[in-house]
Protein backbone atom coordinates (compact mmCIF):
# COMPACT_ATOMS: atom_id res chain seq x y z
CA MET A 1 -65.53 35.56 -72.37
CA THR A 2 -64.00 38.69 -70.86
CA LEU A 3 -62.44 41.42 -73.01
CA ILE A 4 -59.11 42.82 -71.81
CA LEU A 5 -58.75 46.41 -73.03
CA THR A 6 -55.42 48.19 -72.62
CA GLY A 7 -54.87 51.91 -72.33
CA SER A 8 -54.30 52.28 -76.06
CA ASP A 9 -57.42 50.20 -76.73
CA VAL A 10 -59.51 52.48 -74.50
CA ALA A 11 -58.13 55.66 -76.07
CA GLY A 12 -58.78 54.31 -79.55
CA LEU A 13 -62.33 53.22 -78.77
CA LEU A 14 -63.65 56.37 -77.09
CA ASP A 15 -64.99 59.29 -79.11
CA THR A 16 -65.03 62.82 -77.68
CA ASP A 17 -68.48 63.81 -78.94
CA GLU A 18 -70.08 60.50 -77.95
CA MET A 19 -68.54 60.76 -74.49
CA LEU A 20 -69.78 64.33 -74.02
CA ARG A 21 -73.32 63.21 -74.91
CA ALA A 22 -73.13 60.23 -72.56
CA LEU A 23 -71.83 62.33 -69.67
CA ARG A 24 -74.49 64.99 -70.17
CA SER A 25 -77.17 62.27 -70.07
CA GLY A 26 -75.56 60.78 -66.98
CA PHE A 27 -75.56 64.07 -65.08
CA LEU A 28 -79.23 64.57 -65.95
CA ALA A 29 -80.06 61.02 -64.85
CA GLN A 30 -78.20 61.60 -61.58
CA ALA A 31 -80.19 64.80 -60.99
CA GLN A 32 -83.43 62.89 -61.57
CA THR A 33 -82.55 59.78 -59.53
CA PRO A 34 -79.25 59.93 -57.64
CA ALA A 35 -77.32 56.72 -58.18
CA PRO A 36 -75.88 54.93 -55.14
CA GLY A 37 -72.13 54.98 -55.04
CA LEU A 38 -69.34 54.10 -52.65
CA ARG A 39 -65.87 55.64 -52.67
CA VAL A 40 -63.26 53.96 -50.47
CA HIS A 41 -59.85 55.58 -49.90
CA ALA A 42 -56.85 54.15 -48.06
CA ASP A 43 -53.36 55.56 -47.59
CA LEU A 44 -50.56 53.09 -48.30
CA PRO A 45 -47.10 52.94 -46.69
CA GLY A 46 -44.97 55.64 -48.28
CA ALA A 47 -46.40 58.08 -50.81
CA GLY A 48 -49.12 55.96 -52.37
CA SER A 49 -52.86 55.58 -51.87
CA ALA A 50 -55.57 53.21 -53.03
CA THR A 51 -59.10 54.10 -54.11
CA ALA A 52 -62.10 51.98 -55.03
CA LEU A 53 -65.28 53.27 -56.70
CA LEU A 54 -68.39 51.08 -56.91
CA PRO A 55 -70.91 50.42 -58.21
CA GLY A 56 -71.08 52.50 -61.38
CA LEU A 57 -74.75 52.50 -62.41
CA LEU A 58 -76.85 54.30 -65.03
CA PRO A 59 -80.52 53.59 -65.80
CA ALA A 60 -80.07 52.84 -69.51
CA ILE A 61 -77.03 50.54 -69.24
CA PRO A 62 -77.43 46.84 -68.30
CA ALA A 63 -74.05 46.68 -66.58
CA TYR A 64 -72.14 48.11 -63.62
CA THR A 65 -68.51 48.93 -62.89
CA VAL A 66 -66.05 48.46 -60.05
CA LYS A 67 -62.84 50.50 -60.22
CA ILE A 68 -59.65 50.03 -58.22
CA ASN A 69 -56.87 52.61 -58.53
CA ALA A 70 -53.40 52.99 -57.08
CA LYS A 71 -52.07 56.57 -56.95
CA PHE A 72 -48.35 57.24 -56.66
CA PRO A 73 -47.57 60.88 -57.48
CA ALA A 74 -43.94 60.23 -58.46
CA ALA A 75 -44.78 57.36 -60.83
CA GLU A 76 -45.45 57.67 -64.56
CA PRO A 77 -48.37 57.37 -64.96
CA ALA A 78 -49.24 58.42 -61.44
CA LEU A 79 -52.57 56.57 -61.53
CA ARG A 80 -52.76 52.86 -62.34
CA GLY A 81 -55.55 50.37 -61.99
CA ILE A 82 -58.45 48.57 -63.61
CA VAL A 83 -62.14 49.08 -64.25
CA CYS A 84 -64.18 45.88 -64.19
CA LEU A 85 -67.39 45.95 -66.26
CA HIS A 86 -69.98 43.41 -65.09
CA SER A 87 -73.32 42.34 -66.52
CA LEU A 88 -76.31 43.34 -64.40
CA ASP A 89 -78.08 40.14 -65.50
CA ASP A 90 -75.74 37.62 -63.89
CA GLY A 91 -72.63 39.48 -62.74
CA GLY A 92 -70.57 38.12 -65.61
CA LEU A 93 -67.30 39.99 -66.14
CA LEU A 94 -67.72 41.58 -69.57
CA ALA A 95 -64.45 43.52 -69.68
CA VAL A 96 -61.40 44.62 -67.73
CA LEU A 97 -60.22 48.04 -68.85
CA ASP A 98 -57.12 50.12 -68.11
CA SER A 99 -58.16 52.69 -65.52
CA ALA A 100 -55.56 55.38 -66.21
CA SER A 101 -56.81 56.04 -69.73
CA LEU A 102 -60.49 55.62 -68.94
CA THR A 103 -60.31 57.85 -65.85
CA ALA A 104 -58.51 60.60 -67.77
CA TRP A 105 -61.19 60.51 -70.48
CA ARG A 106 -64.22 60.56 -68.22
CA THR A 107 -62.75 63.11 -65.80
CA GLY A 108 -61.44 65.43 -68.49
CA LEU A 109 -64.58 65.43 -70.62
CA ALA A 110 -66.96 65.74 -67.66
CA ALA A 111 -64.91 68.75 -66.59
CA ALA A 112 -65.01 70.19 -70.11
CA LEU A 113 -68.79 69.90 -70.15
CA ALA A 114 -69.20 71.64 -66.79
CA THR A 115 -66.60 74.28 -67.64
CA ASP A 116 -68.44 75.22 -70.82
CA VAL A 117 -71.77 75.50 -69.01
CA LEU A 118 -70.43 77.55 -66.09
CA ALA A 119 -67.90 79.85 -67.77
CA ALA A 120 -68.99 83.18 -69.23
CA PRO A 121 -70.40 82.58 -72.73
CA ALA A 122 -67.77 84.73 -74.44
CA ALA A 123 -64.79 83.44 -72.44
CA ALA A 124 -62.16 82.25 -74.92
CA THR A 125 -58.85 82.19 -73.02
CA LEU A 126 -57.86 79.09 -71.05
CA GLY A 127 -55.19 78.73 -68.40
CA VAL A 128 -53.84 75.33 -67.39
CA VAL A 129 -52.07 74.58 -64.11
CA GLY A 130 -50.80 71.02 -64.34
CA ALA A 131 -50.04 69.93 -67.90
CA GLY A 132 -51.01 66.26 -67.71
CA ALA A 133 -53.40 63.88 -69.44
CA GLN A 134 -56.51 65.24 -67.73
CA ALA A 135 -55.72 68.80 -68.80
CA ALA A 136 -55.24 67.63 -72.38
CA LEU A 137 -58.66 65.98 -72.40
CA VAL A 138 -60.36 68.99 -70.81
CA LEU A 139 -58.89 71.13 -73.59
CA ALA A 140 -59.95 68.62 -76.25
CA GLY A 141 -63.51 68.52 -74.96
CA LEU A 142 -63.78 72.26 -74.32
CA SER A 143 -62.52 72.98 -77.83
CA ARG A 144 -65.50 71.01 -79.19
CA LEU A 145 -67.88 73.17 -77.18
CA ARG A 146 -66.43 76.68 -77.59
CA THR A 147 -63.57 78.49 -79.33
CA ILE A 148 -60.35 78.85 -77.34
CA ILE A 149 -58.09 81.55 -78.77
CA ARG A 150 -55.31 81.63 -76.16
CA LEU A 151 -53.74 78.94 -73.98
CA THR A 152 -51.53 79.76 -70.98
CA VAL A 153 -49.74 76.86 -69.27
CA THR A 154 -47.66 76.18 -66.18
CA ASP A 155 -46.40 72.99 -64.56
CA LEU A 156 -43.98 72.03 -61.80
CA VAL A 157 -41.87 70.55 -64.61
CA PRO A 158 -41.27 73.44 -67.05
CA ALA A 159 -40.40 71.07 -69.91
CA ARG A 160 -43.79 69.39 -69.55
CA ALA A 161 -45.52 72.77 -69.77
CA ARG A 162 -43.56 73.59 -72.93
CA ARG A 163 -44.47 70.26 -74.52
CA PHE A 164 -48.13 70.82 -73.67
CA ALA A 165 -48.09 74.31 -75.19
CA GLU A 166 -46.32 73.08 -78.33
CA ARG A 167 -48.68 70.12 -78.75
CA HIS A 168 -51.93 72.02 -78.24
CA GLY A 169 -51.12 75.54 -79.43
CA GLY A 170 -49.91 77.10 -82.64
CA PRO A 171 -51.20 76.57 -86.20
CA GLY A 172 -54.76 75.30 -86.14
CA GLY A 173 -55.04 75.84 -82.39
CA PRO A 174 -54.92 78.64 -79.85
CA ALA A 175 -51.93 80.90 -79.38
CA ALA A 176 -49.95 79.34 -76.50
CA GLN A 177 -47.59 80.66 -73.86
CA VAL A 178 -45.79 79.16 -70.86
CA VAL A 179 -45.61 81.08 -67.56
CA SER A 180 -43.93 80.43 -64.24
CA GLY A 181 -46.85 79.84 -61.90
CA ALA A 182 -50.56 79.61 -61.15
CA ARG A 183 -51.01 83.30 -60.42
CA GLU A 184 -49.61 84.24 -63.83
CA VAL A 185 -51.98 81.72 -65.43
CA ALA A 186 -54.97 83.26 -63.64
CA ALA A 187 -53.94 86.79 -64.63
CA ALA A 188 -53.93 85.81 -68.32
CA SER A 189 -57.06 83.64 -68.50
CA GLU A 190 -60.83 83.91 -68.35
CA ILE A 191 -61.09 80.17 -67.65
CA VAL A 192 -58.61 78.51 -65.28
CA LEU A 193 -58.08 74.75 -65.02
CA LEU A 194 -56.23 73.25 -62.06
CA ALA A 195 -55.25 69.58 -62.46
CA THR A 196 -52.52 68.97 -59.88
CA TRP A 197 -51.47 66.89 -56.88
CA SER A 198 -51.21 70.00 -54.70
CA ARG A 199 -51.72 69.83 -50.95
CA ALA A 200 -51.62 73.60 -50.48
CA PRO A 201 -53.76 76.29 -52.16
CA LEU A 202 -52.39 77.48 -55.49
CA LEU A 203 -54.81 80.40 -55.95
CA ARG A 204 -56.40 82.86 -53.55
CA LEU A 205 -59.29 85.21 -54.13
CA ALA A 206 -56.91 88.12 -54.72
CA ASP A 207 -55.42 86.17 -57.66
CA LEU A 208 -58.78 85.94 -59.46
CA SER A 209 -61.03 88.43 -61.22
CA PRO A 210 -64.81 88.97 -61.36
CA GLY A 211 -66.37 86.88 -64.10
CA GLN A 212 -63.68 84.19 -64.15
CA HIS A 213 -64.41 80.49 -64.01
CA VAL A 214 -62.14 77.99 -62.24
CA THR A 215 -62.30 74.21 -62.61
CA SER A 216 -60.41 72.40 -59.84
CA LEU A 217 -59.81 68.72 -60.67
CA GLY A 218 -57.05 67.75 -58.26
CA VAL A 219 -58.94 67.60 -54.96
CA ASP A 220 -60.35 64.09 -54.95
CA GLU A 221 -59.01 62.68 -51.68
CA PRO A 222 -58.26 63.93 -48.15
CA GLY A 223 -55.37 66.35 -47.78
CA LYS A 224 -55.38 67.83 -51.27
CA ALA A 225 -56.06 71.52 -51.93
CA GLU A 226 -55.91 73.77 -55.00
CA LEU A 227 -58.03 76.78 -54.00
CA ASP A 228 -57.87 78.85 -50.85
CA PRO A 229 -61.05 78.76 -48.74
CA ASP A 230 -61.61 82.45 -49.48
CA VAL A 231 -62.19 81.54 -53.15
CA LEU A 232 -64.76 78.89 -52.28
CA ARG A 233 -66.60 81.23 -49.90
CA ALA A 234 -66.82 84.02 -52.49
CA ALA A 235 -67.65 81.95 -55.59
CA THR A 236 -70.71 80.15 -56.86
CA VAL A 237 -69.50 76.60 -56.22
CA VAL A 238 -70.73 73.63 -58.26
CA VAL A 239 -69.79 70.03 -57.44
CA ASP A 240 -70.66 66.63 -58.88
CA GLN A 241 -71.95 65.21 -55.57
CA GLU A 242 -72.23 67.26 -52.38
CA ASP A 243 -71.61 64.57 -49.76
CA LEU A 244 -68.38 63.51 -51.47
CA ALA A 245 -67.26 67.10 -51.92
CA ARG A 246 -67.70 67.56 -48.16
CA SER A 247 -66.00 64.30 -47.15
CA VAL A 248 -63.01 64.04 -49.51
CA GLY A 249 -63.23 66.99 -51.92
CA ALA A 250 -62.78 70.74 -52.00
CA LEU A 251 -65.42 71.39 -49.30
CA ALA A 252 -63.96 68.97 -46.75
CA PRO A 253 -62.34 71.63 -44.49
CA ALA A 254 -64.47 72.30 -41.43
CA ASP A 255 -64.46 76.05 -42.03
CA LEU A 256 -66.29 75.54 -45.34
CA ARG A 257 -69.38 73.90 -43.85
CA ASP A 258 -71.41 77.05 -44.49
CA VAL A 259 -70.69 76.99 -48.24
CA ARG A 260 -73.81 75.83 -50.09
CA PRO A 261 -72.84 74.28 -53.43
CA ALA A 262 -75.02 73.32 -56.34
CA THR A 263 -74.63 70.03 -58.19
CA PHE A 264 -73.88 70.10 -61.87
CA GLY A 265 -76.80 67.77 -62.52
CA ASP A 266 -79.14 70.36 -61.01
CA VAL A 267 -77.57 73.08 -63.16
CA LEU A 268 -78.15 71.02 -66.32
CA ALA A 269 -81.69 70.19 -65.22
CA GLY A 270 -82.49 73.88 -64.69
CA ARG A 271 -82.94 73.59 -60.92
CA HIS A 272 -79.99 75.90 -60.28
CA PRO A 273 -78.97 78.81 -62.51
CA GLY A 274 -75.24 78.11 -62.43
CA ARG A 275 -73.73 81.39 -63.60
CA SER A 276 -76.25 84.16 -63.19
CA GLY A 277 -74.19 87.26 -64.00
CA SER A 278 -71.19 88.46 -65.97
CA ALA A 279 -69.25 89.49 -62.84
CA GLU A 280 -69.85 86.21 -60.99
CA LEU A 281 -66.89 84.01 -60.01
CA THR A 282 -67.75 80.36 -60.58
CA VAL A 283 -65.93 77.22 -59.46
CA TYR A 284 -66.45 73.61 -60.52
CA ALA A 285 -64.87 71.22 -58.02
CA PRO A 286 -65.75 67.59 -58.79
CA VAL A 287 -64.55 64.44 -57.06
CA GLY A 288 -65.44 61.89 -59.75
CA LEU A 289 -68.36 59.46 -59.60
CA PRO A 290 -68.72 55.72 -60.28
CA TRP A 291 -71.38 56.19 -62.96
CA GLN A 292 -68.89 58.18 -65.05
CA ASP A 293 -66.65 55.09 -65.19
CA LEU A 294 -69.63 53.09 -66.44
CA ALA A 295 -70.49 55.66 -69.12
CA ALA A 296 -66.97 55.43 -70.56
CA ALA A 297 -66.50 51.69 -70.05
CA TRP A 298 -69.78 50.82 -71.76
CA ILE A 299 -68.91 52.85 -74.86
CA ALA A 300 -65.45 51.27 -75.05
CA TYR A 301 -66.82 47.75 -74.51
CA GLN A 302 -69.52 48.06 -77.16
CA GLU A 303 -67.05 49.47 -79.69
CA ALA A 304 -64.53 46.73 -78.89
CA ALA A 305 -67.15 43.98 -79.22
CA ALA A 306 -68.43 45.41 -82.51
CA HIS A 307 -64.99 45.77 -84.10
CA GLY A 308 -63.09 42.83 -82.65
CA ARG A 309 -60.77 44.86 -80.43
CA GLY A 310 -59.11 43.68 -77.24
CA LEU A 311 -58.04 40.27 -75.99
CA ALA A 312 -60.84 37.80 -75.20
CA VAL A 313 -60.07 35.62 -72.19
CA ASP A 314 -62.08 32.93 -70.40
CA LEU A 315 -61.27 33.81 -66.78
CA LEU A 316 -63.42 30.94 -65.50
CA ALA A 317 -61.52 28.27 -67.42
């Protein structure tokens, strides 16, 4: 039988702390033995694109994933698709999971983990450019790892920025404010998160300060850009996988070939220092890896199987 898990199923089955532990273990495993992975991107007629990630593999999990996404920036949600979880024993299809929810969780919490490791230890002010689901999960994960006392938000849709600030700021949370653009966010924040669909740089080196950390989540396919090349040349740059960062990510431009990034797995494993000084500008610019889909899908599947969640279907009938 195959479990069908909807977006609300996935969100209800995943736990922030458990996911952070699983992602940390996955990054360390990747640093020890890099997992094979294929990322296929295709532009579609009009404004859409299709992406496939396979296979998601981790040493301790007897399964693998294949993910297929459609991305349409004007749609709501903009990302739609499925993650298929297969048994490594016989290829049996264990579960089909909503990709939008699962991708937001694994991307947001992996970014939260890296942001906490790379940002200055005392940094407590967060700026958000792009007030969507991924930003919300980065904030949720980062808030479990360090105290955030002020939140500054901007979005192309001002009402969305206001809703984000109201939902995540105020009593019991950080003081929150909405500003008009990315430069104002950077001026007010020690940690800056970019989670957009931008195809032109939103921040330049002159917009940033010594000691800041920037996490750029939006550059995961050709043509996207959130940071000017002068930022990436000046900063200590950390990526999730270098070849992907150079082919489809933030380091794809030809004039950035001389930038030598570290991988976050190597930072966690102690093979790279990450941040080495209080005045250092650091950037985390991931693309997203297949094993991260597996880490999230396996947790959701085990929880669903244990608690009778999801719809069980015999697809071979």
